[in-house]
Amino acid sequence: MEGKVSPKTLENGKVLCYLKLRFLEDIGDEQAMAALLSCLRDSNVWVPCQVRMEAEDLEQFQAAKAGEIITTQEETRLVPDILRAKDGALYFPMFSQREQIPEE
């Protein structure tokens, strides 16, 4: 997988999933890593986040009707969820398909 691939090819996340599995089969394979990183660079991914906004802005957002445009008065931040394993290691979850994201 050299250079850029068309966005249409990467659209459903299957190429990224395949390259991840290929990389995991042989962690030391530099070609597999390069292909994975190249694909990741050009792919759209889903990153679970927490929305941080002031109470007044949140009330306005929750009262809005579908399709209504809301302008917040204060800063709104999306804070990525960072997971901590039992051994203390930190992980930055991302998904190539929305369906892969667990509800919790």
N, C-alpha and C. Protein backbone atom coordinates (compact mmCIF):
# COMPACT_ATOMS: atom_id res chain seq x y z
N MET A 1 0.85 -1.17 0.00
CA MET A 1 0.00 0.00 0.00
C MET A 1 0.89 1.23 0.00
N GLU A 2 1.22 1.69 -1.14
CA GLU A 2 2.13 2.82 -1.29
C GLU A 2 1.33 4.10 -1.50
N GLY A 3 1.78 5.21 -0.91
CA GLY A 3 1.14 6.50 -1.14
C GLY A 3 -0.28 6.55 -0.63
N LYS A 4 -1.03 7.50 -1.21
CA LYS A 4 -2.42 7.69 -0.79
C LYS A 4 -3.35 6.75 -1.54
N VAL A 5 -4.41 6.35 -0.86
CA VAL A 5 -5.46 5.52 -1.43
C VAL A 5 -6.70 6.39 -1.49
N SER A 6 -7.57 6.13 -2.44
CA SER A 6 -8.76 6.96 -2.59
C SER A 6 -9.63 6.87 -1.33
N PRO A 7 -10.25 7.99 -0.96
CA PRO A 7 -11.14 7.98 0.22
C PRO A 7 -12.25 6.95 0.10
N LYS A 8 -12.74 6.69 -1.11
CA LYS A 8 -13.81 5.70 -1.31
C LYS A 8 -13.35 4.31 -0.88
N THR A 9 -12.09 3.97 -1.16
CA THR A 9 -11.54 2.66 -0.79
C THR A 9 -11.48 2.50 0.73
N LEU A 10 -11.23 3.59 1.43
CA LEU A 10 -11.06 3.54 2.90
C LEU A 10 -12.36 3.79 3.64
N GLU A 11 -13.41 4.14 2.92
CA GLU A 11 -14.66 4.63 3.52
C GLU A 11 -15.26 3.75 4.60
N ASN A 12 -15.34 2.45 4.40
CA ASN A 12 -16.03 1.60 5.37
C ASN A 12 -15.13 1.05 6.47
N GLY A 13 -13.84 1.36 6.44
CA GLY A 13 -12.92 0.94 7.50
C GLY A 13 -12.39 -0.47 7.38
N LYS A 14 -12.80 -1.21 6.36
CA LYS A 14 -12.37 -2.60 6.23
C LYS A 14 -10.88 -2.72 5.91
N VAL A 15 -10.36 -1.81 5.10
CA VAL A 15 -8.92 -1.85 4.77
C VAL A 15 -8.10 -1.62 6.03
N LEU A 16 -8.50 -0.64 6.84
CA LEU A 16 -7.79 -0.35 8.09
C LEU A 16 -7.85 -1.55 9.03
N CYS A 17 -9.00 -2.18 9.15
CA CYS A 17 -9.12 -3.38 10.00
C CYS A 17 -8.21 -4.49 9.52
N TYR A 18 -8.18 -4.72 8.20
CA TYR A 18 -7.33 -5.76 7.64
C TYR A 18 -5.85 -5.47 7.94
N LEU A 19 -5.43 -4.23 7.73
CA LEU A 19 -4.02 -3.88 7.95
C LEU A 19 -3.65 -3.98 9.43
N LYS A 20 -4.58 -3.66 10.30
CA LYS A 20 -4.32 -3.80 11.74
C LYS A 20 -4.09 -5.27 12.10
N LEU A 21 -4.96 -6.14 11.59
CA LEU A 21 -4.82 -7.57 11.87
C LEU A 21 -3.51 -8.11 11.28
N ARG A 22 -3.17 -7.67 10.08
CA ARG A 22 -1.91 -8.08 9.46
C ARG A 22 -0.71 -7.65 10.31
N PHE A 23 -0.77 -6.43 10.81
CA PHE A 23 0.31 -5.93 11.66
C PHE A 23 0.40 -6.73 12.96
N LEU A 24 -0.74 -7.03 13.57
CA LEU A 24 -0.74 -7.76 14.85
C LEU A 24 -0.23 -9.19 14.70
N GLU A 25 -0.32 -9.77 13.50
CA GLU A 25 0.19 -11.12 13.27
C GLU A 25 1.71 -11.16 13.40
N ASP A 26 2.37 -10.05 13.03
CA ASP A 26 3.83 -10.00 13.10
C ASP A 26 4.24 -8.59 13.48
N ILE A 27 4.27 -8.31 14.77
CA ILE A 27 4.54 -6.96 15.29
C ILE A 27 5.83 -6.37 14.75
N GLY A 28 6.84 -7.16 14.50
CA GLY A 28 8.13 -6.64 14.05
C GLY A 28 8.21 -6.31 12.56
N ASP A 29 7.16 -6.61 11.81
CA ASP A 29 7.17 -6.40 10.35
C ASP A 29 7.03 -4.91 10.04
N GLU A 30 8.14 -4.30 9.61
CA GLU A 30 8.13 -2.86 9.35
C GLU A 30 7.23 -2.49 8.18
N GLN A 31 7.13 -3.35 7.18
CA GLN A 31 6.24 -3.08 6.04
C GLN A 31 4.78 -3.06 6.49
N ALA A 32 4.42 -4.00 7.35
CA ALA A 32 3.04 -4.04 7.85
C ALA A 32 2.75 -2.79 8.67
N MET A 33 3.71 -2.35 9.48
CA MET A 33 3.53 -1.13 10.27
C MET A 33 3.39 0.09 9.36
N ALA A 34 4.24 0.18 8.35
CA ALA A 34 4.19 1.32 7.43
C ALA A 34 2.85 1.37 6.70
N ALA A 35 2.36 0.21 6.27
CA ALA A 35 1.07 0.15 5.58
C ALA A 35 -0.06 0.58 6.51
N LEU A 36 -0.03 0.10 7.76
CA LEU A 36 -1.05 0.46 8.74
C LEU A 36 -1.03 1.96 9.02
N LEU A 37 0.14 2.51 9.25
CA LEU A 37 0.24 3.94 9.55
C LEU A 37 -0.16 4.80 8.36
N SER A 38 0.19 4.38 7.17
CA SER A 38 -0.19 5.10 5.97
C SER A 38 -1.71 5.11 5.80
N CYS A 39 -2.33 3.96 6.01
CA CYS A 39 -3.78 3.86 5.91
C CYS A 39 -4.46 4.67 7.01
N LEU A 40 -3.92 4.60 8.22
CA LEU A 40 -4.48 5.37 9.34
C LEU A 40 -4.43 6.86 9.05
N ARG A 41 -3.32 7.31 8.45
CA ARG A 41 -3.17 8.72 8.11
C ARG A 41 -4.29 9.20 7.19
N ASP A 42 -4.71 8.34 6.26
CA ASP A 42 -5.68 8.73 5.25
C ASP A 42 -7.12 8.34 5.59
N SER A 43 -7.32 7.69 6.73
CA SER A 43 -8.65 7.19 7.09
C SER A 43 -9.37 8.14 8.04
N ASN A 44 -10.68 8.01 8.04
CA ASN A 44 -11.51 8.65 9.06
C ASN A 44 -11.73 7.63 10.16
N VAL A 45 -11.57 8.05 11.40
CA VAL A 45 -11.78 7.14 12.53
C VAL A 45 -12.74 7.78 13.52
N TRP A 46 -13.33 6.94 14.34
CA TRP A 46 -14.23 7.39 15.41
C TRP A 46 -13.46 7.34 16.72
N VAL A 47 -13.50 8.43 17.47
CA VAL A 47 -12.82 8.51 18.76
C VAL A 47 -13.88 8.86 19.81
N PRO A 48 -14.14 7.94 20.76
CA PRO A 48 -15.11 8.25 21.81
C PRO A 48 -14.65 9.44 22.63
N CYS A 49 -15.55 10.38 22.87
CA CYS A 49 -15.21 11.61 23.60
C CYS A 49 -16.31 11.96 24.59
N GLN A 50 -15.93 12.75 25.56
CA GLN A 50 -16.87 13.37 26.48
C GLN A 50 -17.00 14.84 26.09
N VAL A 51 -18.23 15.34 26.06
CA VAL A 51 -18.45 16.75 25.74
C VAL A 51 -18.41 17.54 27.04
N ARG A 52 -17.60 18.59 27.06
CA ARG A 52 -17.50 19.46 28.22
C ARG A 52 -18.01 20.85 27.83
N MET A 53 -19.09 21.27 28.49
CA MET A 53 -19.62 22.61 28.23
C MET A 53 -20.27 23.15 29.50
N GLU A 54 -20.43 24.45 29.53
CA GLU A 54 -21.03 25.11 30.69
C GLU A 54 -22.51 24.70 30.81
N ALA A 55 -23.05 24.77 32.04
CA ALA A 55 -24.41 24.32 32.32
C ALA A 55 -25.44 25.06 31.46
N GLU A 56 -25.27 26.37 31.27
CA GLU A 56 -26.23 27.15 30.48
C GLU A 56 -26.23 26.68 29.02
N ASP A 57 -25.05 26.42 28.48
CA ASP A 57 -24.94 25.94 27.10
C ASP A 57 -25.53 24.54 26.98
N LEU A 58 -25.32 23.71 27.99
CA LEU A 58 -25.85 22.36 27.98
C LEU A 58 -27.38 22.39 27.99
N GLU A 59 -27.96 23.25 28.81
CA GLU A 59 -29.42 23.39 28.86
C GLU A 59 -29.97 23.80 27.50
N GLN A 60 -29.32 24.76 26.87
CA GLN A 60 -29.73 25.24 25.55
C GLN A 60 -29.63 24.09 24.53
N PHE A 61 -28.57 23.33 24.60
CA PHE A 61 -28.36 22.21 23.69
C PHE A 61 -29.44 21.14 23.89
N GLN A 62 -29.73 20.81 25.13
CA GLN A 62 -30.72 19.77 25.43
C GLN A 62 -32.13 20.19 25.05
N ALA A 63 -32.42 21.49 25.06
CA ALA A 63 -33.74 22.00 24.71
C ALA A 63 -33.93 22.20 23.20
N ALA A 64 -32.86 22.09 22.45
CA ALA A 64 -32.91 22.34 21.00
C ALA A 64 -33.69 21.24 20.29
N LYS A 65 -34.32 21.62 19.17
CA LYS A 65 -35.04 20.67 18.34
C LYS A 65 -34.09 20.17 17.25
N ALA A 66 -34.39 19.01 16.69
CA ALA A 66 -33.55 18.42 15.63
C ALA A 66 -33.38 19.42 14.49
N GLY A 67 -32.13 19.61 14.07
CA GLY A 67 -31.82 20.50 12.96
C GLY A 67 -31.58 21.95 13.37
N GLU A 68 -31.89 22.29 14.60
CA GLU A 68 -31.70 23.66 15.09
C GLU A 68 -30.21 23.92 15.33
N ILE A 69 -29.75 25.09 14.93
CA ILE A 69 -28.34 25.45 15.12
C ILE A 69 -28.19 26.18 16.45
N ILE A 70 -27.26 25.70 17.26
CA ILE A 70 -27.02 26.26 18.59
C ILE A 70 -25.65 26.92 18.61
N THR A 71 -25.58 28.08 19.22
CA THR A 71 -24.31 28.76 19.41
C THR A 71 -24.06 28.83 20.91
N THR A 72 -22.93 28.26 21.34
CA THR A 72 -22.61 28.27 22.76
C THR A 72 -21.99 29.61 23.15
N GLN A 73 -22.18 29.98 24.39
CA GLN A 73 -21.61 31.23 24.89
C GLN A 73 -20.19 31.02 25.41
N GLU A 74 -19.94 29.83 25.93
CA GLU A 74 -18.62 29.50 26.47
C GLU A 74 -17.97 28.43 25.59
N GLU A 75 -16.72 28.11 25.89
CA GLU A 75 -15.99 27.10 25.13
C GLU A 75 -16.59 25.71 25.33
N THR A 76 -16.73 24.99 24.23
CA THR A 76 -17.17 23.59 24.28
C THR A 76 -15.98 22.74 23.86
N ARG A 77 -15.70 21.71 24.65
CA ARG A 77 -14.54 20.86 24.37
C ARG A 77 -14.97 19.42 24.22
N LEU A 78 -14.33 18.72 23.30
CA LEU A 78 -14.47 17.27 23.17
C LEU A 78 -13.21 16.66 23.75
N VAL A 79 -13.36 15.91 24.82
CA VAL A 79 -12.21 15.32 25.52
C VAL A 79 -12.21 13.81 25.23
N PRO A 80 -11.19 13.33 24.52
CA PRO A 80 -11.14 11.90 24.19
C PRO A 80 -11.12 11.03 25.44
N ASP A 81 -11.84 9.91 25.38
CA ASP A 81 -11.82 8.94 26.47
C ASP A 81 -10.50 8.19 26.42
N ILE A 82 -9.77 8.23 27.51
CA ILE A 82 -8.52 7.48 27.63
C ILE A 82 -8.80 6.31 28.57
N LEU A 83 -8.47 5.11 28.14
CA LEU A 83 -8.74 3.92 28.95
C LEU A 83 -7.49 3.51 29.71
N ARG A 84 -7.69 3.03 30.93
CA ARG A 84 -6.57 2.57 31.75
C ARG A 84 -6.76 1.07 32.00
N ALA A 85 -5.74 0.29 31.65
CA ALA A 85 -5.76 -1.16 31.88
C ALA A 85 -5.46 -1.44 33.35
N LYS A 86 -5.70 -2.65 33.78
CA LYS A 86 -5.44 -3.04 35.16
C LYS A 86 -3.99 -2.84 35.55
N ASP A 87 -3.08 -2.97 34.57
CA ASP A 87 -1.66 -2.79 34.86
C ASP A 87 -1.24 -1.32 34.83
N GLY A 88 -2.18 -0.42 34.61
CA GLY A 88 -1.89 1.01 34.62
C GLY A 88 -1.59 1.60 33.24
N ALA A 89 -1.45 0.74 32.23
CA ALA A 89 -1.17 1.24 30.87
C ALA A 89 -2.37 2.04 30.36
N LEU A 90 -2.08 3.10 29.61
CA LEU A 90 -3.13 3.94 29.05
C LEU A 90 -3.33 3.61 27.57
N TYR A 91 -4.59 3.64 27.13
CA TYR A 91 -4.93 3.35 25.75
C TYR A 91 -5.83 4.45 25.20
N PHE A 92 -5.58 4.82 23.96
CA PHE A 92 -6.38 5.81 23.25
C PHE A 92 -7.25 5.04 22.25
N PRO A 93 -8.53 4.81 22.59
CA PRO A 93 -9.36 4.01 21.70
C PRO A 93 -9.78 4.78 20.46
N MET A 94 -9.75 4.10 19.33
CA MET A 94 -10.31 4.64 18.10
C MET A 94 -10.83 3.48 17.28
N PHE A 95 -11.82 3.77 16.47
CA PHE A 95 -12.51 2.72 15.74
C PHE A 95 -12.64 3.12 14.28
N SER A 96 -12.53 2.14 13.39
CA SER A 96 -12.65 2.42 11.97
C SER A 96 -14.10 2.36 11.50
N GLN A 97 -14.98 1.83 12.35
CA GLN A 97 -16.40 1.74 12.03
C GLN A 97 -17.21 2.09 13.27
N ARG A 98 -18.26 2.86 13.08
CA ARG A 98 -19.09 3.29 14.22
C ARG A 98 -19.65 2.08 14.98
N GLU A 99 -19.98 1.03 14.26
CA GLU A 99 -20.59 -0.16 14.87
C GLU A 99 -19.65 -0.86 15.83
N GLN A 100 -18.36 -0.60 15.75
CA GLN A 100 -17.38 -1.24 16.63
C GLN A 100 -17.36 -0.62 18.03
N ILE A 101 -17.91 0.57 18.18
CA ILE A 101 -17.84 1.28 19.46
C ILE A 101 -18.82 0.66 20.46
N PRO A 102 -18.32 0.15 21.58
CA PRO A 102 -19.23 -0.41 22.58
C PRO A 102 -20.08 0.70 23.22
N GLU A 103 -21.28 0.35 23.62
CA GLU A 103 -22.20 1.34 24.23
C GLU A 103 -21.60 2.00 25.47
N GLU A 104 -20.92 1.21 26.32
CA GLU A 104 -20.37 1.77 27.55
C GLU A 104 -19.20 2.67 27.23
